[in-house]
Structure formats: structure tokens, C-alpha cells
Amino acid sequence: MQIQNDYNHTIYASYLGYITQAIVNNFAPLLFLTFSRDYSLSLEKIALITTLNFLVQLSVDLASAGVIDKIGYRIPVLTAHVFSAGGLVALAVLPKILPDPYIAILIAVVLYAIGGGLIEVLISPIVEACPTEKKEAAMSLLHSFYCWGHLGVILLSTLFFTLFGISNWPILACLWALVPAANVIYFSLVPLFPITGEHEPLSLRSLLKEKAFWILMVLMICAGASEHSMSQWASAFAESGLNLSKTVGDLAGPSLFALLMGTARALYGKYSERIKLDLAMRTSALLCLVSFAMASFLRSPLFGLLGCACCGFAVGIFWPGTFSLAAIKLPAAGASMYALLALGGDIGCSLGPTSVGFVAGHFNGDLHAGFVLAMLFPALILILTGMLGRHSEAGRTDQ
């Protein structure tokens, strides 16, 4: 059967894996104000939903380091999609049957976060191992599907809410669960390839001794924090911070963020041979700083939405770019490196939006104040990419 021998199907299944990742990370944030109203939850409790999601994901990342290389990729990637589907169904069902809806939501988050954490660890090295040319382009294009999934979640969810009412969100959660459920079947059929290729695998202990790894690790923390500080709060920011309706806010805020983030990744995937990655990272960090400043200090809805949208374009290259830098710098690291970098990314994904939420809560729910703090993360990316460049030059000189 052709699907079992064609690595293109491996890549297509991986695209669906990142769409699944987008669903589990971005569906619940569209409902944050709905949860707050229906279940009388404070902004701090809502922020903890995102925190728990990424804390569980980073725990999975940490547990996966050094293990997946030993047991193989097939069973973990199937397990990831089973947990993702189960968590989305639980989100729809458990709040109706448990006495505390908030606890029910947190249980569902734990389930789909396990799936999301495994997906983050597994998908990038699976694609990196495929016998493709232009690895940086392939990685950037792969990660663009997270953005298209994010955009699809926003647009299709908004359409559903418009047609059937937001009170029917549990039905939509079950419909979204069909995506990971279908990918369980797809991933059971596609071929998987050795991750380290012809390189002698680098031990976890040796990896942790590499200075470049630690620079990459902190870079991933800042990449995740920069991206999710805006994406997780974009819907609430458009509603409460810019006084827009939910439909207009979701379409003009997080949807533009996702569209431009995906566009940035697709463009870099197409033109990667012409653009130096470190220059793209530094330019994007500067744009990200400007974008957060616009959202923080300009109270106009137009400029606030423009800042949100530009932030999406700015952060697009951060995550796949860091993975590409890691693959170039440490090609023999295997799944351990990807698991630990995913851990760093998820620390950032938790740290960024949680910090924004708590600062906003301290200022009476003003998300403008929270975004001031978020400016720290792209500023650090500017510094870290410069450090990594100097380290690479020193490495070439030593050779």
C-alpha cells in the first residue's frame, strides 16, 4: 500500500498533528469570557487554565526526554492523538456532570495537554527525519500548519457560534475532537524514519554540557512566551480591552494574529535560502517589541488590533527558527533535544500568558498593562540570537 512507503504521507499526518496542537491550545481561550460569565470565574482562575495546559505539556516534555528514542515514535504519537481527542470530549461532557465545573474544565485540560505535549515533542523530529531537502523550509512550513489550524479554529468556531449560539460550544468541542481521532488512523499507517540518521546519537548528559543547547533553551522559553502572551489573550483583549463584540473581536484579533503568523512561516519556508535565519529572528524580535508597545500604549481599537496582528507576523519565525538552529548546531542530539526544547517552549507558553494575566488582574483587568511586561520576551530574543551567533563564530574559529 503506497501510504505505508511514502514519506509525504508522514509529512501530511504531521501537518494534521500540528493542527491538533492548535485546536487543544486555542479552542478553550475563545471561551474564556464565556467560562467567566457562566461559571463565575475570576480572571486569575481563567489564567490558570492556560497555566495548567502548558505546565502539563512541559511535564510531558520533561518525562519524554531520553525515553522516546528507546521506545520508538509510533506508540507515543498515536497516544498523543488519543489523549487530545479524549480531552476535547471531556471538556464538553464533564462540566455538565461534575459538581464543580471549574474542576471539570481542569481535568479536561490535563487530558488534552498530555496529547499536546507529546505532539510538540514528536512531530518536529519526525519531519526532520524524513528524507527531504531544504530542512529549514520544511520545518517552517510544518509549523505554519499550527497557524492555519489556529486560524481555522477561530473562523470555524466563530461561524458555529454565530449560527448555533455560543451556548452550544460543547457540541463544537466534540466536532473538533474528530481531527485527532482521524489522525490516529493516519499515523498508524505512515512510515517513520530514524531521527539521528547517520550520526552517532548524542547522550542526554553530553547534550546538557553543550553551551549552545542552553542558549537555544532560553531562546525557546522566550519564543513561547512572546507567541502565547498575545495569542492566549487576543480574544479577551479585543472584547474587554478594545470594547469590540465577540464576533468582531475574534475575527479581527486572534484570527489576524494566526493568519499573519502562518504567513510569516510560509514565506520563510519559501524564501529560506535567501534570508539568513539569525537576521530574520532579530528583525522579527524588533517587530514584536513594536507590536506589544502598540497594544500596550495606544488605546485606539484600530492600533490595538494592528499591534495584535503584527505580533502574529513577528513571532512566526521564533519557534520553527529555534528548532532549525538546533538541528543545524546539534544534529546528533535526537529526540532528547527536541523534548527539552519543547519543554522550554512550553515553559514560555505558560510563563508568558500567566504573567500577562496576573499583571492585568493587579491593574483591575487591564490587559494593556499586562502587555507591557510581555515586551521583555522579544527583547531577550534580540540578545540571545546575538549570543548564539557569536557562539557559532567561535565554534568555527576553534575548528
Protein backbone atom coordinates (compact mmCIF):
# COMPACT_ATOMS: atom_id res chain seq x y z
CA MET A 1 0.00 0.00 0.00
CA GLN A 2 1.55 3.34 -1.09
CA ILE A 3 0.75 5.23 2.10
CA GLN A 4 2.98 2.84 4.07
CA ASN A 5 6.05 3.61 1.92
CA ASP A 6 5.66 7.30 1.02
CA TYR A 7 7.24 9.81 3.43
CA ASN A 8 4.96 12.52 2.02
CA HIS A 9 2.13 10.90 3.96
CA THR A 10 4.28 11.12 7.09
CA ILE A 11 4.55 14.86 6.49
CA TYR A 12 0.80 15.20 5.83
CA ALA A 13 -0.01 13.35 9.06
CA SER A 14 2.42 15.65 10.84
CA TYR A 15 0.58 18.66 9.44
CA LEU A 16 -2.62 17.27 10.97
CA GLY A 17 -0.70 16.74 14.20
CA TYR A 18 0.09 20.44 14.41
CA ILE A 19 -3.50 21.31 13.55
CA THR A 20 -4.47 19.13 16.52
CA GLN A 21 -1.95 21.06 18.64
CA ALA A 22 -3.59 24.30 17.53
CA ILE A 23 -7.04 23.01 18.48
CA VAL A 24 -6.09 21.97 22.01
CA ASN A 25 -4.18 25.21 22.65
CA ASN A 26 -6.60 27.72 21.15
CA PHE A 27 -10.17 26.44 21.40
CA ALA A 28 -10.61 27.00 25.15
CA PRO A 29 -9.25 30.60 25.08
CA LEU A 30 -12.14 31.53 22.77
CA LEU A 31 -14.41 30.58 25.66
CA PHE A 32 -12.56 32.35 28.49
CA LEU A 33 -15.13 35.12 28.96
CA THR A 34 -17.95 32.58 28.50
CA PHE A 35 -16.46 30.44 31.26
CA SER A 36 -16.05 33.56 33.41
CA ARG A 37 -19.70 34.55 32.97
CA ASP A 38 -21.31 31.10 33.12
CA TYR A 39 -19.22 29.69 35.97
CA SER A 40 -18.39 32.94 37.85
CA LEU A 41 -14.63 32.53 37.41
CA SER A 42 -12.15 35.33 38.15
CA LEU A 43 -9.55 36.45 35.64
CA GLU A 44 -6.87 34.79 37.78
CA LYS A 45 -8.72 31.44 37.63
CA ILE A 46 -9.12 31.79 33.89
CA ALA A 47 -5.37 32.46 33.59
CA LEU A 48 -4.69 29.23 35.47
CA ILE A 49 -6.45 27.25 32.72
CA THR A 50 -3.71 28.28 30.32
CA THR A 51 -1.07 27.78 33.00
CA LEU A 52 -2.21 24.22 33.71
CA ASN A 53 -2.34 23.40 30.00
CA PHE A 54 1.28 24.31 29.46
CA LEU A 55 2.52 23.03 32.82
CA VAL A 56 1.18 19.60 31.90
CA GLN A 57 2.69 19.88 28.43
CA LEU A 58 6.10 20.80 29.82
CA SER A 59 5.87 17.91 32.32
CA VAL A 60 5.27 15.58 29.39
CA ASP A 61 8.20 17.17 27.55
CA LEU A 62 10.47 16.54 30.53
CA ALA A 63 9.28 12.96 31.00
CA SER A 64 9.82 12.26 27.30
CA ALA A 65 13.48 13.32 27.22
CA GLY A 66 15.68 10.27 26.78
CA VAL A 67 12.72 7.86 26.69
CA ILE A 68 11.17 8.15 23.25
CA ASP A 69 14.44 7.30 21.46
CA LYS A 70 14.34 3.98 23.30
CA ILE A 71 10.69 3.00 22.76
CA GLY A 72 10.16 4.42 19.27
CA TYR A 73 7.79 7.03 17.90
CA ARG A 74 4.74 5.12 16.69
CA ILE A 75 3.03 4.33 20.00
CA PRO A 76 3.68 7.77 21.57
CA VAL A 77 2.35 9.69 18.56
CA LEU A 78 -0.82 7.56 18.50
CA THR A 79 -1.22 8.04 22.25
CA ALA A 80 -0.86 11.80 21.81
CA HIS A 81 -3.83 11.98 19.47
CA VAL A 82 -5.97 9.70 21.66
CA PHE A 83 -5.44 12.00 24.66
CA SER A 84 -6.11 15.09 22.55
CA ALA A 85 -9.43 13.73 21.33
CA GLY A 86 -10.38 12.48 24.80
CA GLY A 87 -9.62 15.83 26.42
CA LEU A 88 -11.80 17.76 23.98
CA VAL A 89 -14.70 15.37 24.56
CA ALA A 90 -14.16 15.66 28.32
CA LEU A 91 -14.28 19.46 28.04
CA ALA A 92 -17.74 19.13 26.51
CA VAL A 93 -19.09 16.50 28.90
CA LEU A 94 -17.51 16.84 32.35
CA PRO A 95 -18.74 20.37 33.30
CA LYS A 96 -22.31 19.07 32.99
CA ILE A 97 -21.83 16.03 35.22
CA LEU A 98 -19.33 17.10 37.88
CA PRO A 99 -20.43 19.36 40.78
CA ASP A 100 -17.66 21.91 40.20
CA PRO A 101 -17.46 22.97 36.52
CA TYR A 102 -14.07 24.59 37.06
CA ILE A 103 -12.55 21.30 38.28
CA ALA A 104 -14.19 19.59 35.29
CA ILE A 105 -12.53 22.05 32.91
CA LEU A 106 -9.14 21.50 34.56
CA ILE A 107 -9.47 17.71 34.24
CA ALA A 108 -10.22 18.07 30.54
CA VAL A 109 -7.27 20.43 30.14
CA VAL A 110 -4.93 17.88 31.75
CA LEU A 111 -6.08 15.19 29.30
CA TYR A 112 -5.66 17.17 26.11
CA ALA A 113 -2.48 18.81 27.41
CA ILE A 114 -0.87 15.36 27.67
CA GLY A 115 -1.66 14.89 23.99
CA GLY A 116 -0.43 18.37 23.11
CA GLY A 117 2.83 17.86 24.97
CA LEU A 118 3.57 14.60 23.16
CA ILE A 119 2.73 16.17 19.80
CA GLU A 120 5.17 19.00 20.44
CA VAL A 121 7.94 16.54 21.30
CA LEU A 122 7.28 14.14 18.42
CA ILE A 123 6.18 15.95 15.28
CA SER A 124 9.22 18.14 14.61
CA PRO A 125 11.81 15.31 14.83
CA ILE A 126 9.55 13.03 12.80
CA VAL A 127 9.56 15.56 9.95
CA GLU A 128 13.25 16.37 10.45
CA ALA A 129 13.99 12.65 9.91
CA CYS A 130 12.09 12.46 6.62
CA PRO A 131 14.39 12.30 3.54
CA THR A 132 13.57 15.82 2.37
CA GLU A 133 15.78 18.62 1.06
CA LYS A 134 15.71 22.19 2.45
CA LYS A 135 15.22 21.16 6.07
CA GLU A 136 14.73 24.72 7.34
CA ALA A 137 11.97 25.32 4.78
CA ALA A 138 10.29 22.02 5.66
CA MET A 139 10.37 22.88 9.38
CA SER A 140 8.96 26.37 8.85
CA LEU A 141 6.20 25.05 6.58
CA LEU A 142 5.36 22.35 9.13
CA HIS A 143 4.96 24.90 11.90
CA SER A 144 2.82 27.09 9.64
CA PHE A 145 0.14 24.42 9.92
CA TYR A 146 -0.15 25.22 13.61
CA CYS A 147 -1.10 28.72 12.48
CA TRP A 148 -3.57 27.51 9.84
CA GLY A 149 -5.08 25.27 12.50
CA HIS A 150 -5.26 28.22 14.89
CA LEU A 151 -6.94 30.32 12.21
CA GLY A 152 -9.34 27.50 11.35
CA VAL A 153 -10.31 27.10 15.00
CA ILE A 154 -11.14 30.80 15.24
CA LEU A 155 -13.02 31.15 11.94
CA LEU A 156 -14.98 27.90 12.11
CA SER A 157 -15.75 28.35 15.80
CA THR A 158 -16.95 31.90 15.17
CA LEU A 159 -19.15 30.66 12.34
CA PHE A 160 -20.55 27.93 14.59
CA PHE A 161 -21.24 30.38 17.43
CA THR A 162 -22.94 32.77 15.01
CA LEU A 163 -25.18 30.08 13.53
CA PHE A 164 -25.95 27.99 16.60
CA GLY A 165 -25.13 30.20 19.59
CA ILE A 166 -22.15 30.10 21.92
CA SER A 167 -24.17 28.08 24.45
CA ASN A 168 -23.72 25.08 22.15
CA TRP A 169 -19.92 25.14 22.44
CA PRO A 170 -19.83 21.57 23.90
CA ILE A 171 -21.07 20.23 20.56
CA LEU A 172 -18.29 22.07 18.77
CA ALA A 173 -15.71 20.66 21.18
CA CYS A 174 -16.79 17.15 20.17
CA LEU A 175 -16.60 18.06 16.49
CA TRP A 176 -13.04 19.34 16.94
CA ALA A 177 -12.17 16.02 18.62
CA LEU A 178 -12.75 14.27 15.28
CA VAL A 179 -9.49 15.75 13.90
CA PRO A 180 -7.11 13.95 16.32
CA ALA A 181 -9.33 10.86 16.20
CA ALA A 182 -8.88 10.64 12.43
CA ASN A 183 -5.14 11.23 12.72
CA VAL A 184 -4.80 8.22 15.00
CA ILE A 185 -5.69 6.08 11.99
CA TYR A 186 -3.46 8.06 9.61
CA PHE A 187 -0.38 7.89 11.83
CA SER A 188 -0.85 4.16 12.29
CA LEU A 189 -0.17 3.71 8.55
CA VAL A 190 2.59 6.17 7.57
CA PRO A 191 6.33 5.30 7.57
CA LEU A 192 8.61 6.70 10.30
CA PHE A 193 12.36 7.20 9.90
CA PRO A 194 15.39 7.17 12.27
CA ILE A 195 15.80 10.60 13.84
CA THR A 196 19.60 10.95 14.05
CA GLY A 197 20.28 9.45 10.63
CA GLU A 198 23.96 8.52 10.21
CA HIS A 199 25.13 10.50 13.25
CA GLU A 200 26.23 8.80 16.44
CA PRO A 201 23.43 9.62 18.92
CA LEU A 202 24.39 12.30 21.45
CA SER A 203 23.70 11.25 25.03
CA LEU A 204 21.49 13.38 27.25
CA ARG A 205 24.43 14.07 29.55
CA SER A 206 26.57 15.24 26.64
CA LEU A 207 23.73 17.41 25.34
CA LEU A 208 23.39 19.17 28.70
CA LYS A 209 27.09 20.09 28.58
CA GLU A 210 26.69 22.00 25.32
CA LYS A 211 26.64 25.79 25.79
CA ALA A 212 24.72 26.19 22.53
CA PHE A 213 21.95 23.98 23.88
CA TRP A 214 21.37 26.26 26.87
CA ILE A 215 21.26 29.35 24.69
CA LEU A 216 18.70 27.58 22.49
CA MET A 217 16.74 26.51 25.58
CA VAL A 218 16.30 30.06 26.89
CA LEU A 219 15.55 31.21 23.34
CA MET A 220 12.70 28.70 23.18
CA ILE A 221 11.31 29.95 26.50
CA CYS A 222 11.19 33.48 25.13
CA ALA A 223 9.75 32.26 21.81
CA GLY A 224 6.85 30.51 23.54
CA ALA A 225 6.27 33.44 25.89
CA SER A 226 6.27 36.00 23.06
CA GLU A 227 3.78 34.00 20.99
CA HIS A 228 1.32 33.00 23.69
CA SER A 229 1.37 36.23 25.67
CA MET A 230 -0.63 37.64 22.78
CA SER A 231 -2.39 34.61 21.26
CA GLN A 232 -3.91 33.36 24.52
CA TRP A 233 -5.29 36.80 25.44
CA ALA A 234 -6.14 38.15 21.98
CA SER A 235 -9.83 37.26 22.15
CA ALA A 236 -10.30 38.66 25.66
CA PHE A 237 -8.20 41.73 24.76
CA ALA A 238 -10.39 42.50 21.76
CA GLU A 239 -13.56 42.16 23.86
CA SER A 240 -12.62 43.76 27.17
CA GLY A 241 -9.62 45.90 26.23
CA LEU A 242 -10.89 47.29 22.91
CA ASN A 243 -14.66 47.05 23.61
CA LEU A 244 -15.44 45.03 20.48
CA SER A 245 -18.13 42.39 20.14
CA LYS A 246 -17.00 38.77 20.48
CA THR A 247 -17.58 38.02 16.79
CA VAL A 248 -15.74 41.11 15.56
CA GLY A 249 -13.04 40.71 18.20
CA ASP A 250 -12.31 37.07 17.34
CA LEU A 251 -12.22 37.78 13.62
CA ALA A 252 -10.13 40.95 13.83
CA GLY A 253 -7.88 39.96 16.75
CA PRO A 254 -6.75 36.34 17.14
CA SER A 255 -7.67 35.41 13.56
CA LEU A 256 -5.39 38.12 12.13
CA PHE A 257 -2.71 37.05 14.59
CA ALA A 258 -2.91 33.44 13.38
CA LEU A 259 -3.13 34.41 9.69
CA LEU A 260 -0.03 36.59 9.81
CA MET A 261 1.89 34.10 11.95
CA GLY A 262 1.20 31.40 9.37
CA THR A 263 2.07 33.78 6.55
CA ALA A 264 5.45 34.55 8.14
CA ARG A 265 6.25 30.85 8.46
CA ALA A 266 5.11 30.04 4.93
CA LEU A 267 7.11 32.95 3.48
CA TYR A 268 10.24 31.89 5.31
CA GLY A 269 9.65 28.32 4.14
CA LYS A 270 9.60 29.57 0.55
CA TYR A 271 12.49 32.04 0.76
CA SER A 272 14.69 30.46 3.44
CA GLU A 273 17.63 30.10 1.06
CA ARG A 274 17.70 33.88 0.51
CA ILE A 275 17.22 35.01 4.11
CA LYS A 276 19.69 34.41 6.92
CA LEU A 277 17.88 32.81 9.82
CA ASP A 278 19.59 34.81 12.56
CA LEU A 279 18.79 38.07 10.75
CA ALA A 280 15.16 37.00 10.36
CA MET A 281 14.98 36.22 14.08
CA ARG A 282 16.42 39.58 15.15
CA THR A 283 14.23 41.56 12.76
CA SER A 284 11.18 39.69 13.99
CA ALA A 285 12.12 40.40 17.60
CA LEU A 286 12.23 44.14 16.89
CA LEU A 287 8.82 43.98 15.19
CA CYS A 288 7.46 42.02 18.15
CA LEU A 289 8.64 44.72 20.55
CA VAL A 290 6.89 47.39 18.49
CA SER A 291 3.72 45.28 18.30
CA PHE A 292 3.47 44.83 22.07
CA ALA A 293 4.13 48.54 22.53
CA MET A 294 1.22 49.36 20.21
CA ALA A 295 -1.11 47.05 22.13
CA SER A 296 0.11 48.44 25.45
CA PHE A 297 0.18 52.19 24.96
CA LEU A 298 -2.19 53.02 22.08
CA ARG A 299 -5.77 52.86 23.33
CA SER A 300 -7.29 53.09 19.85
CA PRO A 301 -9.06 49.83 18.84
CA LEU A 302 -7.57 50.15 15.35
CA PHE A 303 -3.98 50.39 16.57
CA GLY A 304 -4.61 47.80 19.28
CA LEU A 305 -5.77 45.28 16.67
CA LEU A 306 -2.89 46.27 14.39
CA GLY A 307 -0.47 45.56 17.21
CA CYS A 308 -2.11 42.19 17.82
CA ALA A 309 -1.94 41.27 14.12
CA CYS A 310 1.68 42.45 13.64
CA CYS A 311 2.67 40.46 16.68
CA GLY A 312 1.44 37.33 14.88
CA PHE A 313 3.75 38.03 11.93
CA ALA A 314 6.63 38.87 14.25
CA VAL A 315 6.52 35.68 16.35
CA GLY A 316 6.01 33.39 13.36
CA ILE A 317 9.67 32.51 12.85
CA PHE A 318 10.65 32.21 16.54
CA TRP A 319 9.58 28.62 17.28
CA PRO A 320 10.47 26.82 14.00
CA GLY A 321 13.55 29.00 13.65
CA THR A 322 14.87 27.84 17.01
CA PHE A 323 14.24 24.20 16.06
CA SER A 324 16.12 24.75 12.79
CA LEU A 325 19.04 26.37 14.58
CA ALA A 326 19.13 23.43 16.98
CA ALA A 327 19.08 20.86 14.17
CA ILE A 328 21.99 22.63 12.47
CA LYS A 329 24.03 23.19 15.62
CA LEU A 330 23.41 19.79 17.28
CA PRO A 331 22.44 17.33 14.50
CA ALA A 332 23.09 14.18 16.57
CA ALA A 333 21.00 15.19 19.58
CA GLY A 334 17.91 13.15 18.67
CA ALA A 335 14.59 13.24 20.48
CA SER A 336 16.15 14.33 23.78
CA MET A 337 16.97 17.76 22.40
CA TYR A 338 13.54 18.22 20.83
CA ALA A 339 11.85 17.14 24.05
CA LEU A 340 13.88 19.57 26.15
CA LEU A 341 13.42 22.42 23.67
CA ALA A 342 9.69 21.71 23.69
CA LEU A 343 9.91 21.84 27.49
CA GLY A 344 11.48 25.27 27.21
CA GLY A 345 8.86 26.40 24.73
CA ASP A 346 6.06 25.23 26.99
CA ILE A 347 7.61 26.95 29.99
CA GLY A 348 7.39 30.12 27.92
CA CYS A 349 3.86 29.32 26.80
CA SER A 350 2.87 29.10 30.46
CA LEU A 351 5.03 31.94 31.77
CA GLY A 352 4.00 34.50 29.14
CA PRO A 353 0.20 34.45 29.28
CA THR A 354 0.14 33.75 33.03
CA SER A 355 2.33 36.80 33.70
CA VAL A 356 0.14 38.93 31.43
CA GLY A 357 -2.99 37.69 33.19
CA PHE A 358 -1.73 38.32 36.70
CA VAL A 359 -0.37 41.78 35.90
CA ALA A 360 -3.67 42.63 34.21
CA GLY A 361 -5.56 41.34 37.26
CA HIS A 362 -3.44 43.56 39.51
CA PHE A 363 -4.47 46.55 37.36
CA ASN A 364 -8.21 45.79 37.52
CA GLY A 365 -8.25 43.53 34.46
CA ASP A 366 -6.39 45.96 32.18
CA LEU A 367 -4.61 43.78 29.60
CA HIS A 368 -2.75 46.82 28.27
CA ALA A 369 -0.67 46.71 31.46
CA GLY A 370 -0.03 43.00 31.02
CA PHE A 371 1.37 43.51 27.53
CA VAL A 372 3.93 45.97 28.87
CA LEU A 373 5.52 43.09 30.78
CA ALA A 374 5.41 40.90 27.65
CA MET A 375 7.83 43.27 25.89
CA LEU A 376 10.58 41.65 27.94
CA PHE A 377 10.45 38.42 25.92
CA PRO A 378 11.25 39.69 22.41
CA ALA A 379 13.91 41.95 23.95
CA LEU A 380 15.62 38.83 25.31
CA ILE A 381 15.35 37.14 21.90
CA LEU A 382 17.37 40.01 20.43
CA ILE A 383 20.12 39.39 22.97
CA LEU A 384 20.05 35.59 22.73
CA THR A 385 20.25 35.39 18.93
CA GLY A 386 23.30 37.64 19.09
CA MET A 387 24.85 35.33 21.70
CA LEU A 388 24.14 32.26 19.57
CA GLY A 389 25.69 33.92 16.53
CA ARG A 390 28.85 34.77 18.46
CA HIS A 391 28.99 31.24 19.83
CA SER A 392 28.69 29.80 16.29
CA GLU A 393 31.51 32.04 15.05
CA ALA A 394 33.69 30.97 17.97
CA GLY A 395 32.94 27.33 17.17
CA ARG A 396 34.01 27.76 13.53
CA THR A 397 37.20 29.52 14.66
CA ASP A 398 38.07 26.66 17.03
CA GLN A 399 37.66 24.20 14.20
